[in-house]
């Protein structure tokens, strides 16, 4: 998908339509390895008192072959930077595309 380098948009800081530069938001770094749905965390939380696991905390079912497929595209978020006040804002909606070319 092709996107222009600059566009005219409303800047809420300047309160008028200004020329704005378009960039892609970085994907960021990988966060820590905190497993939110882990069994150990559930036990510490006291989620399974009494005897047995009541069918909740056992092993997961085997993944079916149709669930193994991966998405072809990723979500790309544009960031608009005002050329007058240098304030940046994210685009309201992200776009699911394989590649974005800023020209």
Protein backbone atom coordinates (compact mmCIF):
# COMPACT_ATOMS: atom_id res chain seq x y z
CA UNK A 1 0.00 0.00 0.00
CA UNK A 2 1.34 3.43 -0.92
CA UNK A 3 1.02 6.39 1.48
CA UNK A 4 2.21 10.00 0.81
CA UNK A 5 5.02 11.47 2.96
CA UNK A 6 2.93 14.47 4.00
CA UNK A 7 -0.76 15.29 4.25
CA UNK A 8 -2.98 18.12 5.49
CA UNK A 9 -4.87 17.21 8.67
CA UNK A 10 -6.41 18.94 11.66
CA UNK A 11 -3.96 19.45 14.53
CA UNK A 12 -5.73 19.60 17.92
CA UNK A 13 -2.77 21.48 19.47
CA UNK A 14 -2.65 24.24 16.79
CA UNK A 15 -6.47 24.04 16.37
CA UNK A 16 -6.20 24.32 12.57
CA UNK A 17 -5.41 22.29 9.47
CA UNK A 18 -1.64 21.93 9.10
CA UNK A 19 0.85 20.01 6.96
CA UNK A 20 1.73 16.76 8.73
CA UNK A 21 4.48 14.23 8.16
CA UNK A 22 3.52 10.52 8.05
CA UNK A 23 5.65 7.79 9.66
CA UNK A 24 5.15 4.20 10.74
CA UNK A 25 4.99 3.42 14.44
CA UNK A 26 7.78 1.07 15.53
CA UNK A 27 6.82 -2.40 16.70
CA UNK A 28 8.62 -1.92 20.02
CA UNK A 29 10.77 -4.34 21.97
CA UNK A 30 9.68 -7.71 23.30
CA UNK A 31 8.38 -7.49 26.87
CA UNK A 32 9.15 -9.84 29.75
CA UNK A 33 7.99 -13.44 29.79
CA UNK A 34 5.12 -13.07 32.24
CA UNK A 35 2.65 -15.84 31.53
CA UNK A 36 -0.75 -14.39 32.45
CA UNK A 37 -2.70 -17.63 32.19
CA UNK A 38 -0.11 -19.93 33.75
CA UNK A 39 -1.07 -22.71 36.11
CA UNK A 40 1.40 -21.56 38.78
CA UNK A 41 -0.10 -18.05 38.74
CA UNK A 42 -3.62 -19.48 39.07
CA UNK A 43 -2.54 -21.57 42.10
CA UNK A 44 -0.91 -18.56 43.78
CA UNK A 45 -4.09 -16.58 43.21
CA UNK A 46 -6.07 -19.30 45.02
CA UNK A 47 -8.10 -20.13 41.94
CA UNK A 48 -8.31 -23.84 42.70
CA UNK A 49 -9.04 -24.52 46.36
CA UNK A 50 -10.06 -28.00 47.52
CA UNK A 51 -9.29 -31.32 45.90
CA UNK A 52 -8.71 -31.84 42.21
CA UNK A 53 -8.74 -29.34 39.42
CA UNK A 54 -12.45 -29.61 38.60
CA UNK A 55 -11.62 -30.06 34.93
CA UNK A 56 -10.33 -26.49 34.61
CA UNK A 57 -6.57 -26.59 35.07
CA UNK A 58 -5.59 -29.75 33.22
CA UNK A 59 -3.61 -29.94 30.03
CA UNK A 60 -4.92 -28.20 26.92
CA UNK A 61 -6.46 -30.03 24.00
CA UNK A 62 -4.40 -30.79 20.90
CA UNK A 63 -4.35 -27.98 18.36
CA UNK A 64 -6.32 -28.89 15.27
CA UNK A 65 -4.67 -28.59 11.89
CA UNK A 66 -7.01 -25.76 10.83
CA UNK A 67 -5.93 -23.66 13.82
CA UNK A 68 -2.23 -23.81 12.94
CA UNK A 69 -2.40 -21.34 10.07
CA UNK A 70 -0.81 -17.91 10.56
CA UNK A 71 -1.95 -14.52 9.35
CA UNK A 72 -0.31 -13.25 6.16
CA UNK A 73 -0.59 -9.56 7.04
CA UNK A 74 0.25 -7.47 10.10
CA UNK A 75 -1.34 -4.36 11.55
CA UNK A 76 0.53 -1.15 10.64
CA UNK A 77 -0.18 2.06 12.56
CA UNK A 78 0.58 5.45 11.02
CA UNK A 79 1.83 8.36 13.13
CA UNK A 80 1.19 11.95 12.06
CA UNK A 81 3.63 14.70 13.17
CA UNK A 82 2.58 18.36 12.84
CA UNK A 83 5.25 20.46 11.13
CA UNK A 84 4.34 23.61 13.13
CA UNK A 85 4.12 22.40 16.74
CA UNK A 86 6.01 19.07 16.27
CA UNK A 87 3.30 17.16 18.18
CA UNK A 88 2.57 13.58 17.06
CA UNK A 89 -0.67 11.61 17.01
CA UNK A 90 -1.43 8.03 16.08
CA UNK A 91 -3.90 7.22 13.32
CA UNK A 92 -7.32 6.34 14.73
CA UNK A 93 -7.42 2.95 12.98
CA UNK A 94 -4.57 0.60 12.20
CA UNK A 95 -4.39 -0.95 8.73
CA UNK A 96 -3.92 -4.64 8.07
CA UNK A 97 -1.47 -4.75 5.16
CA UNK A 98 1.52 -6.84 4.16
CA UNK A 99 3.67 -3.80 3.30
CA UNK A 100 3.36 0.00 3.48
CA UNK A 101 5.47 2.25 1.24
CA UNK A 102 5.71 5.89 2.36
CA UNK A 103 6.48 7.92 -0.77
